[in-house]
Amino acid sequence: MRRTTTRWLAGGAGVLAIAAIGAGAALAAEKKVETYGLSATLNSGQEVPKPVGGSGSGKFTGTLTTAGKLKYTLTFKGLSGPAKQAHIHLGKKGKPGNVIVPLCGPCTSPVKGTATLKKSLVEDVEEGGTYVNVHTAKNAAGEIRGQVASKG
């Protein structure tokens, strides 16, 4: 009887070890970092409030990981004057919002860079809740704007 109990305990420990390994693998899979493509087409028609002068346009492309690592390129042309600064803002289409990532200032096209976003903002970016804005002296609130879309 003693041998049977010992075998049962040893077998049970083995099952628990296998279960622990399986749980660890599942946890590791949950924490896997994913990368999403991002893009935005910028123009004056999306700007709030409407800009004065200029017929600018631009393009924002990049990648964002679920850990918050952002790599981007911003190009623009046809502005009413030099680009004073550009940002990613928190905000739905047609609504102004706070800056979450400064991209450049002053800016010369093309702009390339990297940034780290707080994890709490990654979901906002992935769900279309952010936009890119390029500002000029004539249009300090923004001259061209584009909602960021996730391709992932």
N, C-alpha and C. Protein backbone atom coordinates (compact mmCIF):
# COMPACT_ATOMS: atom_id res chain seq x y z
N MET A 1 0.83 -1.18 0.00
CA MET A 1 0.00 0.00 0.00
C MET A 1 0.87 1.24 0.00
N ARG A 2 1.96 1.19 0.69
CA ARG A 2 2.85 2.33 0.77
C ARG A 2 3.43 2.67 -0.59
N ARG A 3 3.81 1.67 -1.39
CA ARG A 3 4.36 1.89 -2.72
C ARG A 3 3.32 2.54 -3.64
N THR A 4 2.09 2.13 -3.56
CA THR A 4 1.02 2.69 -4.38
C THR A 4 0.84 4.17 -4.08
N THR A 5 0.85 4.54 -2.82
CA THR A 5 0.70 5.94 -2.42
C THR A 5 1.88 6.76 -2.94
N THR A 6 3.07 6.22 -2.83
CA THR A 6 4.25 6.94 -3.30
C THR A 6 4.18 7.14 -4.81
N ARG A 7 3.79 6.09 -5.53
CA ARG A 7 3.66 6.21 -7.00
C ARG A 7 2.60 7.24 -7.38
N TRP A 8 1.49 7.23 -6.66
CA TRP A 8 0.41 8.17 -6.94
C TRP A 8 0.88 9.60 -6.70
N LEU A 9 1.59 9.83 -5.60
CA LEU A 9 2.11 11.16 -5.30
C LEU A 9 3.12 11.59 -6.35
N ALA A 10 3.99 10.70 -6.75
CA ALA A 10 4.99 11.03 -7.77
C ALA A 10 4.30 11.33 -9.10
N GLY A 11 3.30 10.53 -9.44
CA GLY A 11 2.56 10.77 -10.68
C GLY A 11 1.82 12.09 -10.64
N GLY A 12 1.22 12.40 -9.49
CA GLY A 12 0.51 13.68 -9.34
C GLY A 12 1.45 14.87 -9.46
N ALA A 13 2.66 14.74 -8.92
CA ALA A 13 3.65 15.82 -9.04
C ALA A 13 4.03 16.03 -10.49
N GLY A 14 4.12 14.94 -11.23
CA GLY A 14 4.45 15.05 -12.66
C GLY A 14 3.35 15.77 -13.43
N VAL A 15 2.11 15.46 -13.12
CA VAL A 15 0.98 16.13 -13.77
C VAL A 15 0.98 17.61 -13.43
N LEU A 16 1.24 17.94 -12.16
CA LEU A 16 1.31 19.34 -11.77
C LEU A 16 2.44 20.07 -12.48
N ALA A 17 3.58 19.43 -12.65
CA ALA A 17 4.71 20.05 -13.35
C ALA A 17 4.35 20.32 -14.80
N ILE A 18 3.70 19.37 -15.46
CA ILE A 18 3.30 19.54 -16.86
C ILE A 18 2.27 20.68 -16.96
N ALA A 19 1.32 20.72 -16.02
CA ALA A 19 0.32 21.79 -16.02
C ALA A 19 0.99 23.15 -15.84
N ALA A 20 1.98 23.22 -14.96
CA ALA A 20 2.68 24.49 -14.72
C ALA A 20 3.43 24.94 -15.97
N ILE A 21 4.06 23.99 -16.67
CA ILE A 21 4.76 24.32 -17.91
C ILE A 21 3.77 24.83 -18.95
N GLY A 22 2.63 24.16 -19.06
CA GLY A 22 1.60 24.58 -20.01
C GLY A 22 1.08 25.98 -19.70
N ALA A 23 0.87 26.25 -18.42
CA ALA A 23 0.39 27.58 -18.02
C ALA A 23 1.43 28.64 -18.32
N GLY A 24 2.70 28.32 -18.10
CA GLY A 24 3.77 29.26 -18.40
C GLY A 24 3.84 29.57 -19.88
N ALA A 25 3.66 28.55 -20.73
CA ALA A 25 3.68 28.76 -22.18
C ALA A 25 2.50 29.62 -22.61
N ALA A 26 1.34 29.37 -22.01
CA ALA A 26 0.16 30.17 -22.35
C ALA A 26 0.36 31.63 -21.94
N LEU A 27 0.96 31.85 -20.77
CA LEU A 27 1.23 33.21 -20.30
C LEU A 27 2.22 33.91 -21.22
N ALA A 28 3.25 33.18 -21.65
CA ALA A 28 4.24 33.75 -22.57
C ALA A 28 3.57 34.12 -23.90
N ALA A 29 2.66 33.27 -24.38
CA ALA A 29 1.97 33.55 -25.63
C ALA A 29 1.10 34.80 -25.49
N GLU A 30 0.47 34.99 -24.31
CA GLU A 30 -0.35 36.17 -24.07
C GLU A 30 0.47 37.44 -24.12
N LYS A 31 1.71 37.40 -23.69
CA LYS A 31 2.55 38.58 -23.62
C LYS A 31 3.33 38.82 -24.90
N LYS A 32 3.07 38.05 -25.96
CA LYS A 32 3.77 38.21 -27.23
C LYS A 32 3.53 39.63 -27.76
N VAL A 33 4.60 40.27 -28.17
CA VAL A 33 4.51 41.63 -28.70
C VAL A 33 4.15 41.55 -30.17
N GLU A 34 3.12 42.26 -30.57
CA GLU A 34 2.68 42.31 -31.97
C GLU A 34 3.00 43.68 -32.54
N THR A 35 3.16 43.74 -33.86
CA THR A 35 3.45 44.99 -34.56
C THR A 35 2.34 45.29 -35.55
N TYR A 36 1.90 46.54 -35.55
CA TYR A 36 0.84 46.99 -36.47
C TYR A 36 1.39 48.07 -37.38
N GLY A 37 0.93 48.09 -38.62
CA GLY A 37 1.25 49.18 -39.52
C GLY A 37 0.28 50.33 -39.28
N LEU A 38 0.77 51.55 -39.45
CA LEU A 38 -0.05 52.74 -39.27
C LEU A 38 0.05 53.61 -40.51
N SER A 39 -1.02 54.34 -40.82
CA SER A 39 -0.96 55.31 -41.92
C SER A 39 -2.01 56.39 -41.72
N ALA A 40 -1.72 57.54 -42.30
CA ALA A 40 -2.67 58.65 -42.31
C ALA A 40 -2.38 59.50 -43.54
N THR A 41 -3.43 59.93 -44.20
CA THR A 41 -3.32 60.88 -45.31
C THR A 41 -3.76 62.22 -44.77
N LEU A 42 -2.86 63.20 -44.85
CA LEU A 42 -3.12 64.52 -44.27
C LEU A 42 -3.55 65.51 -45.35
N ASN A 43 -4.56 66.35 -45.02
CA ASN A 43 -4.98 67.44 -45.90
C ASN A 43 -5.70 68.49 -45.06
N SER A 44 -5.95 69.63 -45.67
CA SER A 44 -6.58 70.74 -44.95
C SER A 44 -8.05 70.49 -44.68
N GLY A 45 -8.69 69.65 -45.47
CA GLY A 45 -10.11 69.36 -45.31
C GLY A 45 -10.46 68.67 -44.00
N GLN A 46 -9.48 67.99 -43.41
CA GLN A 46 -9.74 67.29 -42.15
C GLN A 46 -9.44 68.15 -40.92
N GLU A 47 -8.85 69.31 -41.15
CA GLU A 47 -8.41 70.17 -40.04
C GLU A 47 -9.58 70.82 -39.33
N VAL A 48 -9.50 70.92 -38.01
CA VAL A 48 -10.52 71.56 -37.17
C VAL A 48 -9.81 72.56 -36.27
N PRO A 49 -10.09 73.87 -36.34
CA PRO A 49 -10.94 74.55 -37.32
C PRO A 49 -10.27 74.61 -38.69
N LYS A 50 -11.03 74.99 -39.68
CA LYS A 50 -10.52 75.04 -41.06
C LYS A 50 -9.36 76.02 -41.15
N PRO A 51 -8.27 75.62 -41.84
CA PRO A 51 -7.10 76.49 -41.95
C PRO A 51 -7.31 77.64 -42.93
N VAL A 52 -6.44 78.64 -42.81
CA VAL A 52 -6.46 79.80 -43.70
C VAL A 52 -5.33 79.62 -44.71
N GLY A 53 -5.66 79.64 -46.00
CA GLY A 53 -4.64 79.53 -47.04
C GLY A 53 -3.97 78.17 -47.06
N GLY A 54 -3.09 78.01 -48.04
CA GLY A 54 -2.36 76.75 -48.18
C GLY A 54 -3.22 75.67 -48.78
N SER A 55 -2.58 74.82 -49.54
CA SER A 55 -3.27 73.65 -50.12
C SER A 55 -2.39 72.43 -49.85
N GLY A 56 -1.96 72.34 -48.61
CA GLY A 56 -1.01 71.32 -48.22
C GLY A 56 -1.57 69.91 -48.21
N SER A 57 -0.64 68.99 -48.24
CA SER A 57 -0.98 67.57 -48.12
C SER A 57 0.19 66.86 -47.47
N GLY A 58 -0.06 65.67 -46.99
CA GLY A 58 1.00 64.91 -46.35
C GLY A 58 0.64 63.46 -46.16
N LYS A 59 1.63 62.71 -45.73
CA LYS A 59 1.46 61.28 -45.50
C LYS A 59 2.23 60.89 -44.25
N PHE A 60 1.60 60.12 -43.40
CA PHE A 60 2.23 59.58 -42.20
C PHE A 60 2.17 58.06 -42.32
N THR A 61 3.30 57.40 -42.13
CA THR A 61 3.34 55.94 -42.10
C THR A 61 4.21 55.51 -40.93
N GLY A 62 3.96 54.34 -40.43
CA GLY A 62 4.78 53.86 -39.34
C GLY A 62 4.38 52.48 -38.88
N THR A 63 5.06 52.04 -37.83
CA THR A 63 4.72 50.79 -37.17
C THR A 63 4.63 51.06 -35.67
N LEU A 64 3.77 50.30 -35.02
CA LEU A 64 3.58 50.41 -33.58
C LEU A 64 3.47 49.02 -33.00
N THR A 65 4.23 48.75 -31.94
CA THR A 65 4.12 47.46 -31.27
C THR A 65 3.14 47.57 -30.12
N THR A 66 2.63 46.44 -29.70
CA THR A 66 1.72 46.42 -28.56
C THR A 66 2.44 46.83 -27.27
N ALA A 67 3.77 46.87 -27.31
CA ALA A 67 4.55 47.35 -26.16
C ALA A 67 4.75 48.87 -26.20
N GLY A 68 4.28 49.53 -27.28
CA GLY A 68 4.33 50.99 -27.35
C GLY A 68 5.48 51.58 -28.15
N LYS A 69 6.25 50.77 -28.85
CA LYS A 69 7.37 51.29 -29.65
C LYS A 69 6.85 51.76 -31.01
N LEU A 70 7.05 53.04 -31.31
CA LEU A 70 6.58 53.65 -32.55
C LEU A 70 7.77 54.03 -33.41
N LYS A 71 7.69 53.69 -34.70
CA LYS A 71 8.69 54.11 -35.69
C LYS A 71 7.87 54.74 -36.82
N TYR A 72 8.26 55.96 -37.25
CA TYR A 72 7.40 56.67 -38.20
C TYR A 72 8.18 57.48 -39.25
N THR A 73 7.45 57.81 -40.33
CA THR A 73 7.91 58.74 -41.35
C THR A 73 6.74 59.68 -41.66
N LEU A 74 7.02 60.97 -41.70
CA LEU A 74 6.02 61.99 -42.03
C LEU A 74 6.55 62.82 -43.19
N THR A 75 5.74 62.95 -44.24
CA THR A 75 6.10 63.82 -45.37
C THR A 75 4.96 64.81 -45.57
N PHE A 76 5.30 66.00 -46.08
CA PHE A 76 4.28 67.01 -46.34
C PHE A 76 4.80 67.98 -47.39
N LYS A 77 3.85 68.70 -48.04
CA LYS A 77 4.19 69.71 -49.05
C LYS A 77 3.03 70.67 -49.22
N GLY A 78 3.30 71.82 -49.84
CA GLY A 78 2.26 72.78 -50.18
C GLY A 78 1.68 73.55 -49.02
N LEU A 79 2.40 73.67 -47.92
CA LEU A 79 1.89 74.42 -46.77
C LEU A 79 1.97 75.92 -47.01
N SER A 80 1.26 76.69 -46.20
CA SER A 80 1.26 78.15 -46.34
C SER A 80 2.58 78.77 -45.90
N GLY A 81 3.43 78.00 -45.27
CA GLY A 81 4.74 78.45 -44.79
C GLY A 81 5.46 77.27 -44.18
N PRO A 82 6.61 77.51 -43.59
CA PRO A 82 7.35 76.42 -42.96
C PRO A 82 6.55 75.74 -41.85
N ALA A 83 6.75 74.43 -41.74
CA ALA A 83 6.10 73.68 -40.67
C ALA A 83 6.80 74.01 -39.35
N LYS A 84 6.04 74.54 -38.42
CA LYS A 84 6.60 74.90 -37.10
C LYS A 84 6.74 73.67 -36.21
N GLN A 85 5.75 72.77 -36.28
CA GLN A 85 5.77 71.55 -35.49
C GLN A 85 4.73 70.57 -36.02
N ALA A 86 4.90 69.32 -35.63
CA ALA A 86 3.92 68.28 -35.97
C ALA A 86 3.81 67.34 -34.78
N HIS A 87 2.61 66.80 -34.60
CA HIS A 87 2.32 65.93 -33.45
C HIS A 87 1.34 64.84 -33.83
N ILE A 88 1.29 63.83 -32.95
CA ILE A 88 0.16 62.92 -32.93
C ILE A 88 -0.70 63.38 -31.75
N HIS A 89 -1.98 63.56 -32.03
CA HIS A 89 -2.93 64.02 -31.02
C HIS A 89 -3.92 62.91 -30.71
N LEU A 90 -4.45 62.91 -29.52
CA LEU A 90 -5.52 62.02 -29.12
C LEU A 90 -6.82 62.69 -29.55
N GLY A 91 -7.63 62.01 -30.35
CA GLY A 91 -8.90 62.60 -30.77
C GLY A 91 -9.52 61.86 -31.93
N LYS A 92 -10.82 61.74 -31.90
CA LYS A 92 -11.58 61.13 -32.98
C LYS A 92 -11.68 62.11 -34.15
N LYS A 93 -12.09 61.60 -35.29
CA LYS A 93 -12.22 62.41 -36.49
C LYS A 93 -13.11 63.63 -36.23
N GLY A 94 -12.61 64.81 -36.63
CA GLY A 94 -13.37 66.05 -36.48
C GLY A 94 -13.32 66.69 -35.11
N LYS A 95 -12.61 66.07 -34.18
CA LYS A 95 -12.53 66.60 -32.82
C LYS A 95 -11.08 66.93 -32.49
N PRO A 96 -10.83 68.09 -31.87
CA PRO A 96 -9.46 68.42 -31.44
C PRO A 96 -9.09 67.61 -30.20
N GLY A 97 -7.80 67.42 -29.99
CA GLY A 97 -7.36 66.66 -28.83
C GLY A 97 -5.95 67.03 -28.40
N ASN A 98 -5.56 66.50 -27.27
CA ASN A 98 -4.24 66.78 -26.71
C ASN A 98 -3.12 66.06 -27.45
N VAL A 99 -1.94 66.65 -27.42
CA VAL A 99 -0.75 66.05 -28.02
C VAL A 99 -0.33 64.84 -27.18
N ILE A 100 -0.06 63.71 -27.87
CA ILE A 100 0.47 62.55 -27.16
C ILE A 100 1.89 62.20 -27.61
N VAL A 101 2.25 62.61 -28.86
CA VAL A 101 3.61 62.36 -29.35
C VAL A 101 4.06 63.55 -30.20
N PRO A 102 5.09 64.28 -29.76
CA PRO A 102 5.67 65.31 -30.62
C PRO A 102 6.51 64.61 -31.71
N LEU A 103 6.28 64.99 -32.96
CA LEU A 103 7.01 64.37 -34.08
C LEU A 103 8.21 65.20 -34.51
N CYS A 104 8.05 66.53 -34.52
CA CYS A 104 9.15 67.41 -34.91
C CYS A 104 8.80 68.85 -34.59
N GLY A 105 9.80 69.70 -34.62
CA GLY A 105 9.58 71.12 -34.42
C GLY A 105 10.90 71.87 -34.30
N PRO A 106 11.20 72.75 -35.22
CA PRO A 106 10.56 72.95 -36.53
C PRO A 106 10.78 71.73 -37.42
N CYS A 107 10.00 71.63 -38.48
CA CYS A 107 9.98 70.42 -39.30
C CYS A 107 10.37 70.68 -40.75
N THR A 108 11.13 69.76 -41.28
CA THR A 108 11.45 69.73 -42.70
C THR A 108 11.10 68.34 -43.22
N SER A 109 10.35 68.27 -44.29
CA SER A 109 9.93 66.98 -44.84
C SER A 109 11.08 66.34 -45.60
N PRO A 110 11.31 65.05 -45.46
CA PRO A 110 10.61 64.08 -44.62
C PRO A 110 11.13 64.09 -43.19
N VAL A 111 10.27 63.67 -42.27
CA VAL A 111 10.63 63.53 -40.86
C VAL A 111 10.58 62.04 -40.54
N LYS A 112 11.65 61.53 -39.97
CA LYS A 112 11.69 60.13 -39.53
C LYS A 112 12.05 60.10 -38.06
N GLY A 113 11.45 59.19 -37.31
CA GLY A 113 11.77 59.12 -35.90
C GLY A 113 11.19 57.91 -35.21
N THR A 114 11.46 57.87 -33.92
CA THR A 114 10.93 56.81 -33.06
C THR A 114 10.42 57.46 -31.78
N ALA A 115 9.52 56.78 -31.13
CA ALA A 115 8.97 57.26 -29.86
C ALA A 115 8.43 56.06 -29.10
N THR A 116 8.21 56.25 -27.83
CA THR A 116 7.58 55.22 -27.01
C THR A 116 6.29 55.78 -26.44
N LEU A 117 5.21 55.08 -26.70
CA LEU A 117 3.89 55.48 -26.18
C LEU A 117 3.59 54.73 -24.90
N LYS A 118 2.86 55.37 -24.02
CA LYS A 118 2.36 54.68 -22.84
C LYS A 118 1.43 53.57 -23.33
N LYS A 119 1.48 52.44 -22.67
CA LYS A 119 0.65 51.30 -23.09
C LYS A 119 -0.83 51.66 -23.10
N SER A 120 -1.24 52.58 -22.25
CA SER A 120 -2.65 52.98 -22.21
C SER A 120 -3.08 53.70 -23.49
N LEU A 121 -2.12 54.23 -24.26
CA LEU A 121 -2.44 54.95 -25.50
C LEU A 121 -2.36 54.06 -26.73
N VAL A 122 -1.72 52.91 -26.63
CA VAL A 122 -1.56 52.02 -27.79
C VAL A 122 -2.92 51.63 -28.35
N GLU A 123 -3.86 51.30 -27.50
CA GLU A 123 -5.19 50.91 -27.94
C GLU A 123 -5.91 52.07 -28.64
N ASP A 124 -5.72 53.29 -28.16
CA ASP A 124 -6.33 54.46 -28.82
C ASP A 124 -5.82 54.59 -30.25
N VAL A 125 -4.52 54.39 -30.45
CA VAL A 125 -3.94 54.47 -31.79
C VAL A 125 -4.51 53.36 -32.66
N GLU A 126 -4.51 52.12 -32.15
CA GLU A 126 -5.00 50.97 -32.92
C GLU A 126 -6.46 51.12 -33.32
N GLU A 127 -7.25 51.82 -32.52
CA GLU A 127 -8.69 51.93 -32.77
C GLU A 127 -9.09 53.21 -33.50
N GLY A 128 -8.11 53.94 -34.05
CA GLY A 128 -8.43 55.14 -34.83
C GLY A 128 -8.72 56.37 -34.00
N GLY A 129 -8.30 56.39 -32.75
CA GLY A 129 -8.58 57.50 -31.86
C GLY A 129 -7.48 58.54 -31.80
N THR A 130 -6.62 58.60 -32.84
CA THR A 130 -5.55 59.59 -32.88
C THR A 130 -5.43 60.18 -34.28
N TYR A 131 -4.80 61.35 -34.35
CA TYR A 131 -4.57 61.97 -35.65
C TYR A 131 -3.21 62.67 -35.66
N VAL A 132 -2.68 62.85 -36.87
CA VAL A 132 -1.43 63.59 -37.06
C VAL A 132 -1.79 64.98 -37.53
N ASN A 133 -1.08 65.98 -37.00
CA ASN A 133 -1.36 67.38 -37.28
C ASN A 133 -0.05 68.10 -37.56
N VAL A 134 -0.01 68.89 -38.64
CA VAL A 134 1.17 69.71 -38.95
C VAL A 134 0.75 71.17 -38.80
N HIS A 135 1.52 71.93 -38.02
CA HIS A 135 1.21 73.32 -37.68
C HIS A 135 2.15 74.29 -38.41
N THR A 136 1.61 75.43 -38.81
CA THR A 136 2.42 76.51 -39.42
C THR A 136 2.15 77.80 -38.64
N ALA A 137 2.93 78.85 -38.95
CA ALA A 137 2.71 80.14 -38.28
C ALA A 137 1.33 80.69 -38.62
N LYS A 138 0.92 80.55 -39.87
CA LYS A 138 -0.37 81.06 -40.31
C LYS A 138 -1.54 80.25 -39.73
N ASN A 139 -1.29 78.98 -39.47
CA ASN A 139 -2.31 78.08 -38.93
C ASN A 139 -1.74 77.35 -37.71
N ALA A 140 -1.66 78.12 -36.62
CA ALA A 140 -1.03 77.60 -35.40
C ALA A 140 -1.78 76.40 -34.81
N ALA A 141 -3.08 76.33 -35.02
CA ALA A 141 -3.87 75.21 -34.51
C ALA A 141 -3.70 73.96 -35.38
N GLY A 142 -3.15 74.15 -36.57
CA GLY A 142 -2.93 73.04 -37.50
C GLY A 142 -3.36 73.41 -38.90
N GLU A 143 -2.55 73.03 -39.88
CA GLU A 143 -2.87 73.32 -41.28
C GLU A 143 -3.31 72.08 -42.04
N ILE A 144 -2.70 70.95 -41.75
CA ILE A 144 -3.14 69.69 -42.36
C ILE A 144 -3.26 68.64 -41.26
N ARG A 145 -4.19 67.74 -41.48
CA ARG A 145 -4.50 66.73 -40.46
C ARG A 145 -4.90 65.44 -41.15
N GLY A 146 -4.60 64.31 -40.48
CA GLY A 146 -5.04 63.01 -40.96
C GLY A 146 -5.25 62.05 -39.82
N GLN A 147 -6.38 61.34 -39.85
CA GLN A 147 -6.68 60.36 -38.83
C GLN A 147 -5.80 59.14 -39.03
N VAL A 148 -5.21 58.63 -37.96
CA VAL A 148 -4.32 57.48 -38.04
C VAL A 148 -5.15 56.20 -38.10
N ALA A 149 -4.84 55.36 -39.09
CA ALA A 149 -5.51 54.08 -39.24
C ALA A 149 -4.50 52.96 -38.99
N SER A 150 -4.95 51.91 -38.34
CA SER A 150 -4.11 50.76 -38.04
C SER A 150 -4.32 49.69 -39.09
N LYS A 151 -3.22 49.14 -39.58
CA LYS A 151 -3.27 48.04 -40.55
C LYS A 151 -2.64 46.83 -39.88
N GLY A 152 -3.43 46.07 -39.19
CA GLY A 152 -2.77 45.02 -38.47
C GLY A 152 -3.55 43.84 -38.20
